[in-house]
């Protein structure tokens, strides 16, 4: 979670790191909710919204969890008072075309308009998302950007701040 262009918070999600054998579904939901709440702590993010950047490039079809996806989509569409300014799906594997059909059935027209899918190689996708104010200094290294994600340090910092 970092703050991006125009005061928007950015949430990075790499679904290829999701391991159903290690975590319960509702533990994953709580984690997503925690990230959403952390993302809207700043007044700027509340005003300008949150960008969700999904990177399922190395995900496998076996990691797709329809129920978890549905719960998280519902959270973004009104359960949690959050403004999703954009949802960038970057470099999805080919099977995601099937997943997108399911996602579009569950999402509102408003959310669908904010959902952007970026196919292509790393350079092409970086160029595409730069058009939305997301330069390399706001993008994780997994996607070719400059942000080195360290979830453990982020959580320790938040804990020391009492959050």
N, C-alpha and C. Protein backbone atom coordinates (compact mmCIF):
# COMPACT_ATOMS: atom_id res chain seq x y z
N UNK A 1 0.85 -1.17 0.00
CA UNK A 1 0.00 0.00 0.00
C UNK A 1 0.89 1.23 0.00
N UNK A 2 0.76 2.10 -0.98
CA UNK A 2 1.51 3.34 -1.03
C UNK A 2 0.59 4.42 -1.58
N UNK A 3 1.07 5.67 -1.53
CA UNK A 3 0.27 6.76 -2.06
C UNK A 3 0.77 7.11 -3.44
N UNK A 4 -0.13 7.22 -4.38
CA UNK A 4 0.25 7.45 -5.77
C UNK A 4 -0.09 8.84 -6.24
N UNK A 5 -0.15 8.98 -7.53
CA UNK A 5 -0.45 10.26 -8.17
C UNK A 5 -1.78 10.81 -7.69
N UNK A 6 -1.83 12.11 -7.53
CA UNK A 6 -3.05 12.81 -7.16
C UNK A 6 -3.62 12.36 -5.82
N UNK A 7 -2.77 11.90 -4.90
CA UNK A 7 -3.23 11.55 -3.56
C UNK A 7 -3.94 10.22 -3.43
N UNK A 8 -3.97 9.45 -4.48
CA UNK A 8 -4.64 8.15 -4.42
C UNK A 8 -3.74 7.13 -3.73
N UNK A 9 -4.33 6.29 -2.91
CA UNK A 9 -3.59 5.17 -2.35
C UNK A 9 -3.57 4.05 -3.39
N UNK A 10 -2.50 3.27 -3.38
CA UNK A 10 -2.37 2.17 -4.33
C UNK A 10 -2.23 0.87 -3.56
N UNK A 11 -3.06 -0.09 -3.91
CA UNK A 11 -2.99 -1.43 -3.32
C UNK A 11 -2.51 -2.38 -4.40
N UNK A 12 -1.41 -3.09 -4.10
CA UNK A 12 -0.87 -4.08 -5.04
C UNK A 12 -1.32 -5.47 -4.61
N UNK A 13 -1.78 -6.26 -5.56
CA UNK A 13 -2.21 -7.64 -5.27
C UNK A 13 -1.59 -8.56 -6.31
N UNK A 14 -0.82 -9.55 -5.85
CA UNK A 14 -0.26 -10.57 -6.73
C UNK A 14 -0.93 -11.89 -6.37
N UNK A 15 -1.93 -12.25 -7.15
CA UNK A 15 -2.71 -13.45 -6.83
C UNK A 15 -1.92 -14.74 -7.00
N UNK A 16 -0.77 -14.69 -7.64
CA UNK A 16 0.04 -15.91 -7.78
C UNK A 16 0.67 -16.31 -6.44
N UNK A 17 0.68 -15.39 -5.49
CA UNK A 17 1.26 -15.70 -4.17
C UNK A 17 0.22 -16.23 -3.19
N UNK A 18 -1.01 -16.33 -3.64
CA UNK A 18 -2.08 -16.85 -2.80
C UNK A 18 -1.98 -18.37 -2.74
N UNK A 19 -1.87 -18.90 -1.54
CA UNK A 19 -1.74 -20.34 -1.34
C UNK A 19 -2.88 -20.81 -0.45
N UNK A 20 -3.86 -21.48 -1.06
CA UNK A 20 -5.05 -21.93 -0.32
C UNK A 20 -4.72 -22.92 0.78
N UNK A 21 -3.57 -23.57 0.69
CA UNK A 21 -3.21 -24.57 1.71
C UNK A 21 -2.69 -23.91 2.98
N UNK A 22 -2.29 -22.64 2.90
CA UNK A 22 -1.71 -21.95 4.06
C UNK A 22 -2.67 -21.00 4.76
N UNK A 23 -3.69 -20.52 4.03
CA UNK A 23 -4.58 -19.51 4.59
C UNK A 23 -6.03 -19.89 4.36
N UNK A 24 -6.86 -19.58 5.35
CA UNK A 24 -8.30 -19.77 5.19
C UNK A 24 -8.85 -18.62 4.36
N UNK A 25 -9.93 -18.89 3.66
CA UNK A 25 -10.58 -17.89 2.82
C UNK A 25 -10.90 -16.60 3.59
N UNK A 26 -11.46 -16.76 4.79
CA UNK A 26 -11.87 -15.57 5.54
C UNK A 26 -10.68 -14.82 6.14
N UNK A 27 -9.57 -15.50 6.29
CA UNK A 27 -8.33 -14.82 6.67
C UNK A 27 -7.87 -13.92 5.52
N UNK A 28 -8.03 -14.40 4.30
CA UNK A 28 -7.69 -13.61 3.11
C UNK A 28 -8.62 -12.40 2.99
N UNK A 29 -9.89 -12.59 3.29
CA UNK A 29 -10.85 -11.48 3.26
C UNK A 29 -10.46 -10.43 4.29
N UNK A 30 -10.14 -10.86 5.51
CA UNK A 30 -9.72 -9.91 6.56
C UNK A 30 -8.47 -9.14 6.13
N UNK A 31 -7.55 -9.82 5.48
CA UNK A 31 -6.33 -9.16 4.99
C UNK A 31 -6.67 -8.09 3.97
N UNK A 32 -7.56 -8.42 3.03
CA UNK A 32 -7.97 -7.45 2.02
C UNK A 32 -8.67 -6.26 2.66
N UNK A 33 -9.55 -6.52 3.62
CA UNK A 33 -10.25 -5.44 4.31
C UNK A 33 -9.26 -4.56 5.07
N UNK A 34 -8.26 -5.16 5.70
CA UNK A 34 -7.26 -4.38 6.42
C UNK A 34 -6.52 -3.46 5.45
N UNK A 35 -6.15 -3.99 4.28
CA UNK A 35 -5.46 -3.16 3.30
C UNK A 35 -6.37 -2.02 2.81
N UNK A 36 -7.64 -2.30 2.60
CA UNK A 36 -8.57 -1.25 2.17
C UNK A 36 -8.69 -0.15 3.23
N UNK A 37 -8.82 -0.56 4.48
CA UNK A 37 -8.92 0.43 5.57
C UNK A 37 -7.64 1.24 5.70
N UNK A 38 -6.49 0.58 5.56
CA UNK A 38 -5.21 1.30 5.61
C UNK A 38 -5.11 2.29 4.45
N UNK A 39 -5.63 1.88 3.30
CA UNK A 39 -5.54 2.72 2.10
C UNK A 39 -6.33 4.01 2.23
N UNK A 40 -7.40 4.01 3.01
CA UNK A 40 -8.22 5.22 3.12
C UNK A 40 -8.01 5.99 4.42
N UNK A 41 -6.88 5.74 5.07
CA UNK A 41 -6.59 6.50 6.30
C UNK A 41 -6.31 7.97 6.01
N UNK A 42 -5.71 8.26 4.88
CA UNK A 42 -5.42 9.66 4.56
C UNK A 42 -6.66 10.33 3.97
N UNK A 43 -6.80 11.60 4.29
CA UNK A 43 -7.94 12.36 3.77
C UNK A 43 -7.87 12.48 2.25
N UNK A 44 -6.65 12.59 1.71
CA UNK A 44 -6.48 12.67 0.26
C UNK A 44 -7.02 11.43 -0.44
N UNK A 45 -6.70 10.26 0.13
CA UNK A 45 -7.17 9.01 -0.47
C UNK A 45 -8.69 8.90 -0.38
N UNK A 46 -9.26 9.42 0.70
CA UNK A 46 -10.72 9.39 0.82
C UNK A 46 -11.36 10.26 -0.26
N UNK A 47 -10.71 11.37 -0.59
CA UNK A 47 -11.24 12.27 -1.60
C UNK A 47 -10.99 11.77 -3.03
N UNK A 48 -9.77 11.27 -3.27
CA UNK A 48 -9.37 10.92 -4.63
C UNK A 48 -9.52 9.44 -4.96
N UNK A 49 -9.69 8.62 -3.94
CA UNK A 49 -9.92 7.21 -4.18
C UNK A 49 -8.68 6.34 -4.06
N UNK A 50 -8.91 5.09 -4.31
CA UNK A 50 -7.88 4.06 -4.20
C UNK A 50 -7.71 3.39 -5.56
N UNK A 51 -6.47 3.11 -5.91
CA UNK A 51 -6.16 2.36 -7.12
C UNK A 51 -5.80 0.95 -6.68
N UNK A 52 -6.43 -0.03 -7.28
CA UNK A 52 -6.07 -1.43 -7.02
C UNK A 52 -5.32 -1.91 -8.25
N UNK A 53 -4.09 -2.36 -8.03
CA UNK A 53 -3.25 -2.86 -9.12
C UNK A 53 -3.08 -4.36 -8.93
N UNK A 54 -3.70 -5.14 -9.82
CA UNK A 54 -3.65 -6.60 -9.75
C UNK A 54 -2.60 -7.11 -10.72
N UNK A 55 -1.79 -8.05 -10.25
CA UNK A 55 -0.73 -8.62 -11.08
C UNK A 55 -0.82 -10.14 -11.00
N UNK A 56 -1.72 -10.74 -11.79
CA UNK A 56 -1.89 -12.20 -11.74
C UNK A 56 -1.04 -12.95 -12.77
N UNK A 57 0.02 -12.31 -13.27
CA UNK A 57 0.80 -12.85 -14.39
C UNK A 57 1.22 -14.31 -14.19
N UNK A 58 1.64 -14.66 -12.99
CA UNK A 58 2.12 -16.02 -12.73
C UNK A 58 1.08 -16.90 -12.02
N UNK A 59 -0.15 -16.41 -11.94
CA UNK A 59 -1.21 -17.16 -11.25
C UNK A 59 -1.62 -18.38 -12.06
N UNK A 60 -2.09 -19.37 -11.34
CA UNK A 60 -2.59 -20.61 -11.97
C UNK A 60 -4.11 -20.66 -11.78
N UNK A 61 -4.78 -21.35 -12.66
CA UNK A 61 -6.24 -21.47 -12.58
C UNK A 61 -6.66 -22.07 -11.24
N UNK A 62 -5.83 -22.93 -10.66
CA UNK A 62 -6.17 -23.56 -9.38
C UNK A 62 -6.19 -22.54 -8.24
N UNK A 63 -5.57 -21.37 -8.43
CA UNK A 63 -5.57 -20.34 -7.40
C UNK A 63 -6.82 -19.46 -7.47
N UNK A 64 -7.58 -19.58 -8.51
CA UNK A 64 -8.79 -18.79 -8.66
C UNK A 64 -9.85 -19.30 -7.69
N UNK A 65 -10.33 -18.41 -6.85
CA UNK A 65 -11.34 -18.75 -5.84
C UNK A 65 -12.53 -17.83 -6.08
N UNK A 66 -13.56 -18.39 -6.69
CA UNK A 66 -14.74 -17.62 -7.07
C UNK A 66 -15.40 -16.94 -5.87
N UNK A 67 -15.55 -17.65 -4.77
CA UNK A 67 -16.20 -17.09 -3.58
C UNK A 67 -15.37 -15.94 -2.99
N UNK A 68 -14.06 -16.12 -2.90
CA UNK A 68 -13.19 -15.07 -2.38
C UNK A 68 -13.24 -13.83 -3.27
N UNK A 69 -13.20 -14.04 -4.56
CA UNK A 69 -13.30 -12.94 -5.51
C UNK A 69 -14.61 -12.18 -5.34
N UNK A 70 -15.69 -12.91 -5.20
CA UNK A 70 -17.01 -12.29 -5.03
C UNK A 70 -17.06 -11.44 -3.76
N UNK A 71 -16.56 -11.98 -2.66
CA UNK A 71 -16.55 -11.24 -1.39
C UNK A 71 -15.74 -9.96 -1.53
N UNK A 72 -14.57 -10.04 -2.17
CA UNK A 72 -13.72 -8.86 -2.31
C UNK A 72 -14.33 -7.82 -3.25
N UNK A 73 -14.99 -8.27 -4.31
CA UNK A 73 -15.65 -7.34 -5.22
C UNK A 73 -16.79 -6.62 -4.50
N UNK A 74 -17.58 -7.36 -3.75
CA UNK A 74 -18.68 -6.75 -3.00
C UNK A 74 -18.12 -5.70 -2.02
N UNK A 75 -16.98 -5.99 -1.41
CA UNK A 75 -16.34 -5.05 -0.48
C UNK A 75 -16.01 -3.74 -1.18
N UNK A 76 -15.51 -3.83 -2.41
CA UNK A 76 -15.13 -2.63 -3.16
C UNK A 76 -16.34 -1.87 -3.68
N UNK A 77 -17.49 -2.51 -3.74
CA UNK A 77 -18.68 -1.88 -4.32
C UNK A 77 -19.68 -1.41 -3.29
N UNK A 78 -19.27 -1.18 -2.07
CA UNK A 78 -20.22 -0.58 -1.17
C UNK A 78 -20.23 -1.08 0.26
N UNK A 79 -19.68 -2.24 0.54
CA UNK A 79 -19.67 -2.71 1.92
C UNK A 79 -18.74 -1.83 2.75
N UNK A 80 -17.56 -1.58 2.21
CA UNK A 80 -16.61 -0.67 2.86
C UNK A 80 -16.73 0.66 2.13
N UNK A 81 -16.87 1.76 2.87
CA UNK A 81 -17.02 3.06 2.20
C UNK A 81 -15.69 3.51 1.58
N UNK A 82 -15.47 3.06 0.38
CA UNK A 82 -14.21 3.34 -0.30
C UNK A 82 -14.51 3.68 -1.75
N UNK A 83 -13.74 4.57 -2.30
CA UNK A 83 -13.90 4.95 -3.70
C UNK A 83 -12.77 4.31 -4.50
N UNK A 84 -13.10 3.32 -5.30
CA UNK A 84 -12.11 2.69 -6.17
C UNK A 84 -12.02 3.53 -7.44
N UNK A 85 -10.95 4.32 -7.56
CA UNK A 85 -10.84 5.18 -8.73
C UNK A 85 -10.42 4.40 -9.96
N UNK A 86 -9.68 3.30 -9.77
CA UNK A 86 -9.30 2.45 -10.90
C UNK A 86 -8.87 1.08 -10.39
N UNK A 87 -9.10 0.08 -11.23
CA UNK A 87 -8.63 -1.27 -10.96
C UNK A 87 -7.85 -1.68 -12.20
N UNK A 88 -6.53 -1.77 -12.05
CA UNK A 88 -5.66 -2.13 -13.17
C UNK A 88 -5.29 -3.60 -13.07
N UNK A 89 -5.65 -4.36 -14.06
CA UNK A 89 -5.30 -5.78 -14.15
C UNK A 89 -4.13 -5.87 -15.13
N UNK A 90 -2.94 -6.11 -14.61
CA UNK A 90 -1.72 -6.03 -15.40
C UNK A 90 -1.15 -7.40 -15.76
N UNK A 91 -0.99 -7.61 -17.05
CA UNK A 91 -0.37 -8.82 -17.61
C UNK A 91 -1.02 -10.12 -17.14
N UNK A 92 -2.34 -10.22 -17.27
CA UNK A 92 -3.01 -11.44 -16.82
C UNK A 92 -2.67 -12.62 -17.73
N UNK A 93 -2.66 -13.84 -17.16
CA UNK A 93 -2.46 -15.03 -17.99
C UNK A 93 -3.68 -15.24 -18.89
N UNK A 94 -3.54 -16.07 -19.90
CA UNK A 94 -4.60 -16.24 -20.89
C UNK A 94 -5.92 -16.73 -20.28
N UNK A 95 -5.88 -17.58 -19.23
CA UNK A 95 -7.12 -18.08 -18.65
C UNK A 95 -7.94 -16.98 -17.98
N UNK A 96 -7.33 -15.81 -17.74
CA UNK A 96 -8.07 -14.74 -17.09
C UNK A 96 -9.18 -14.18 -17.96
N UNK A 97 -9.14 -14.46 -19.24
CA UNK A 97 -10.25 -14.04 -20.11
C UNK A 97 -11.54 -14.70 -19.65
N UNK A 98 -11.45 -15.94 -19.18
CA UNK A 98 -12.62 -16.64 -18.62
C UNK A 98 -13.02 -16.04 -17.27
N UNK A 99 -12.04 -15.73 -16.46
CA UNK A 99 -12.30 -15.15 -15.15
C UNK A 99 -12.96 -13.78 -15.30
N UNK A 100 -12.53 -13.01 -16.29
CA UNK A 100 -13.09 -11.68 -16.51
C UNK A 100 -14.58 -11.73 -16.84
N UNK A 101 -15.00 -12.75 -17.54
CA UNK A 101 -16.43 -12.91 -17.83
C UNK A 101 -17.20 -13.02 -16.51
N UNK A 102 -16.70 -13.84 -15.60
CA UNK A 102 -17.32 -14.02 -14.29
C UNK A 102 -17.29 -12.71 -13.49
N UNK A 103 -16.15 -12.03 -13.51
CA UNK A 103 -15.99 -10.77 -12.77
C UNK A 103 -16.99 -9.73 -13.28
N UNK A 104 -17.12 -9.61 -14.57
CA UNK A 104 -18.05 -8.62 -15.13
C UNK A 104 -19.50 -8.90 -14.75
N UNK A 105 -19.85 -10.16 -14.56
CA UNK A 105 -21.21 -10.50 -14.13
C UNK A 105 -21.46 -10.03 -12.69
N UNK A 106 -20.42 -9.97 -11.88
CA UNK A 106 -20.56 -9.62 -10.46
C UNK A 106 -20.37 -8.14 -10.18
N UNK A 107 -19.89 -7.39 -11.15
CA UNK A 107 -19.57 -5.99 -10.89
C UNK A 107 -20.60 -5.05 -11.49
N UNK A 108 -20.72 -3.92 -10.85
CA UNK A 108 -21.63 -2.89 -11.33
C UNK A 108 -21.05 -2.25 -12.59
N UNK A 109 -21.89 -1.56 -13.33
CA UNK A 109 -21.44 -0.86 -14.54
C UNK A 109 -20.36 0.17 -14.17
N UNK A 110 -20.54 0.82 -13.04
CA UNK A 110 -19.57 1.82 -12.58
C UNK A 110 -18.20 1.20 -12.34
N UNK A 111 -18.17 0.04 -11.68
CA UNK A 111 -16.91 -0.65 -11.42
C UNK A 111 -16.31 -1.15 -12.73
N UNK A 112 -17.14 -1.65 -13.63
CA UNK A 112 -16.64 -2.13 -14.92
C UNK A 112 -15.93 -1.03 -15.68
N UNK A 113 -16.45 0.20 -15.60
CA UNK A 113 -15.83 1.33 -16.30
C UNK A 113 -14.46 1.65 -15.71
N UNK A 114 -14.27 1.32 -14.44
CA UNK A 114 -12.99 1.61 -13.77
C UNK A 114 -11.99 0.46 -13.87
N UNK A 115 -12.43 -0.66 -14.43
CA UNK A 115 -11.58 -1.83 -14.55
C UNK A 115 -10.83 -1.79 -15.88
N UNK A 116 -9.52 -1.77 -15.81
CA UNK A 116 -8.69 -1.66 -17.00
C UNK A 116 -7.78 -2.88 -17.08
N UNK A 117 -7.76 -3.53 -18.23
CA UNK A 117 -6.93 -4.72 -18.42
C UNK A 117 -5.79 -4.35 -19.36
N UNK A 118 -4.56 -4.64 -18.91
CA UNK A 118 -3.37 -4.29 -19.68
C UNK A 118 -2.61 -5.56 -20.08
N UNK A 119 -2.70 -5.93 -21.35
CA UNK A 119 -1.97 -7.07 -21.88
C UNK A 119 -0.66 -6.58 -22.48
N UNK A 120 0.27 -7.49 -22.66
CA UNK A 120 1.54 -7.14 -23.30
C UNK A 120 2.72 -7.44 -22.41
N UNK A 121 3.90 -7.10 -22.93
CA UNK A 121 5.11 -7.34 -22.14
C UNK A 121 5.25 -6.24 -21.08
N UNK A 122 6.28 -6.39 -20.26
CA UNK A 122 6.49 -5.47 -19.14
C UNK A 122 6.56 -4.01 -19.60
N UNK A 123 7.34 -3.74 -20.64
CA UNK A 123 7.52 -2.37 -21.13
C UNK A 123 6.20 -1.78 -21.61
N UNK A 124 5.44 -2.57 -22.37
CA UNK A 124 4.16 -2.11 -22.90
C UNK A 124 3.18 -1.77 -21.77
N UNK A 125 3.11 -2.64 -20.78
CA UNK A 125 2.19 -2.41 -19.66
C UNK A 125 2.61 -1.18 -18.86
N UNK A 126 3.91 -1.01 -18.63
CA UNK A 126 4.39 0.18 -17.91
C UNK A 126 4.00 1.46 -18.66
N UNK A 127 4.11 1.44 -19.98
CA UNK A 127 3.71 2.60 -20.79
C UNK A 127 2.21 2.85 -20.67
N UNK A 128 1.42 1.78 -20.69
CA UNK A 128 -0.04 1.93 -20.59
C UNK A 128 -0.46 2.51 -19.25
N UNK A 129 0.09 1.98 -18.15
CA UNK A 129 -0.34 2.48 -16.84
C UNK A 129 0.23 3.86 -16.54
N UNK A 130 1.32 4.23 -17.20
CA UNK A 130 1.86 5.59 -17.05
C UNK A 130 0.85 6.61 -17.56
N UNK A 131 0.04 6.23 -18.55
CA UNK A 131 -1.00 7.12 -19.07
C UNK A 131 -2.07 7.43 -18.03
N UNK A 132 -2.10 6.65 -16.94
CA UNK A 132 -3.07 6.87 -15.86
C UNK A 132 -2.39 7.47 -14.63
N UNK A 133 -1.21 8.05 -14.81
CA UNK A 133 -0.51 8.71 -13.71
C UNK A 133 0.27 7.77 -12.81
N UNK A 134 0.50 6.54 -13.26
CA UNK A 134 1.23 5.56 -12.45
C UNK A 134 2.61 5.34 -13.08
N UNK A 135 3.60 6.11 -12.62
CA UNK A 135 4.93 5.94 -13.19
C UNK A 135 5.70 4.87 -12.43
N UNK A 136 6.92 4.59 -12.87
CA UNK A 136 7.71 3.49 -12.32
C UNK A 136 7.95 3.62 -10.82
N UNK A 137 7.92 4.84 -10.30
CA UNK A 137 8.14 5.06 -8.87
C UNK A 137 6.91 4.70 -8.02
N UNK A 138 5.84 4.28 -8.67
CA UNK A 138 4.62 3.86 -7.97
C UNK A 138 4.26 2.41 -8.25
N UNK A 139 5.12 1.74 -9.00
CA UNK A 139 4.83 0.38 -9.46
C UNK A 139 5.86 -0.57 -8.84
N UNK A 140 5.40 -1.74 -8.37
CA UNK A 140 6.34 -2.69 -7.75
C UNK A 140 7.32 -3.29 -8.76
N UNK A 141 8.44 -3.75 -8.23
CA UNK A 141 9.49 -4.33 -9.07
C UNK A 141 8.97 -5.53 -9.87
N UNK A 142 8.01 -6.27 -9.33
CA UNK A 142 7.44 -7.42 -10.06
C UNK A 142 6.88 -7.01 -11.42
N UNK A 143 6.42 -5.76 -11.50
CA UNK A 143 5.84 -5.25 -12.75
C UNK A 143 6.83 -4.41 -13.54
N UNK A 144 8.08 -4.33 -13.06
CA UNK A 144 9.09 -3.54 -13.75
C UNK A 144 9.26 -2.14 -13.19
N UNK A 145 8.60 -1.86 -12.08
CA UNK A 145 8.73 -0.54 -11.46
C UNK A 145 9.87 -0.49 -10.46
N UNK A 146 9.87 0.57 -9.65
CA UNK A 146 10.95 0.82 -8.70
C UNK A 146 10.58 0.55 -7.25
N UNK A 147 9.33 0.19 -6.98
CA UNK A 147 8.88 -0.01 -5.60
C UNK A 147 9.20 -1.44 -5.16
N UNK A 148 10.07 -1.54 -4.15
CA UNK A 148 10.38 -2.85 -3.58
C UNK A 148 9.42 -3.06 -2.42
N UNK A 149 8.55 -4.03 -2.57
CA UNK A 149 7.55 -4.30 -1.55
C UNK A 149 8.16 -5.09 -0.40
N UNK A 150 7.84 -4.65 0.82
CA UNK A 150 8.30 -5.34 2.02
C UNK A 150 7.12 -5.33 3.00
N UNK A 151 6.27 -6.32 2.87
CA UNK A 151 5.04 -6.39 3.65
C UNK A 151 5.34 -6.49 5.14
N UNK A 152 6.35 -7.27 5.50
CA UNK A 152 6.68 -7.45 6.92
C UNK A 152 7.07 -6.12 7.55
N UNK A 153 7.93 -5.34 6.89
CA UNK A 153 8.32 -4.02 7.43
C UNK A 153 7.13 -3.08 7.51
N UNK A 154 6.26 -3.13 6.48
CA UNK A 154 5.08 -2.26 6.47
C UNK A 154 4.18 -2.59 7.66
N UNK A 155 3.97 -3.88 7.91
CA UNK A 155 3.12 -4.30 9.03
C UNK A 155 3.76 -3.93 10.37
N UNK A 156 5.08 -4.10 10.49
CA UNK A 156 5.77 -3.74 11.73
C UNK A 156 5.67 -2.25 11.99
N UNK A 157 5.81 -1.45 10.94
CA UNK A 157 5.69 0.01 11.08
C UNK A 157 4.28 0.38 11.54
N UNK A 158 3.29 -0.21 10.91
CA UNK A 158 1.91 0.08 11.29
C UNK A 158 1.63 -0.33 12.73
N UNK A 159 2.17 -1.48 13.13
CA UNK A 159 1.99 -1.95 14.50
C UNK A 159 2.64 -0.98 15.49
N UNK A 160 3.83 -0.51 15.18
CA UNK A 160 4.51 0.43 16.07
C UNK A 160 3.77 1.77 16.15
N UNK A 161 2.99 2.09 15.12
CA UNK A 161 2.17 3.31 15.10
C UNK A 161 0.81 3.10 15.75
N UNK A 162 0.56 1.86 16.20
CA UNK A 162 -0.71 1.55 16.86
C UNK A 162 -1.87 1.36 15.91
N UNK A 163 -1.58 0.96 14.68
CA UNK A 163 -2.65 0.80 13.68
C UNK A 163 -2.95 -0.64 13.42
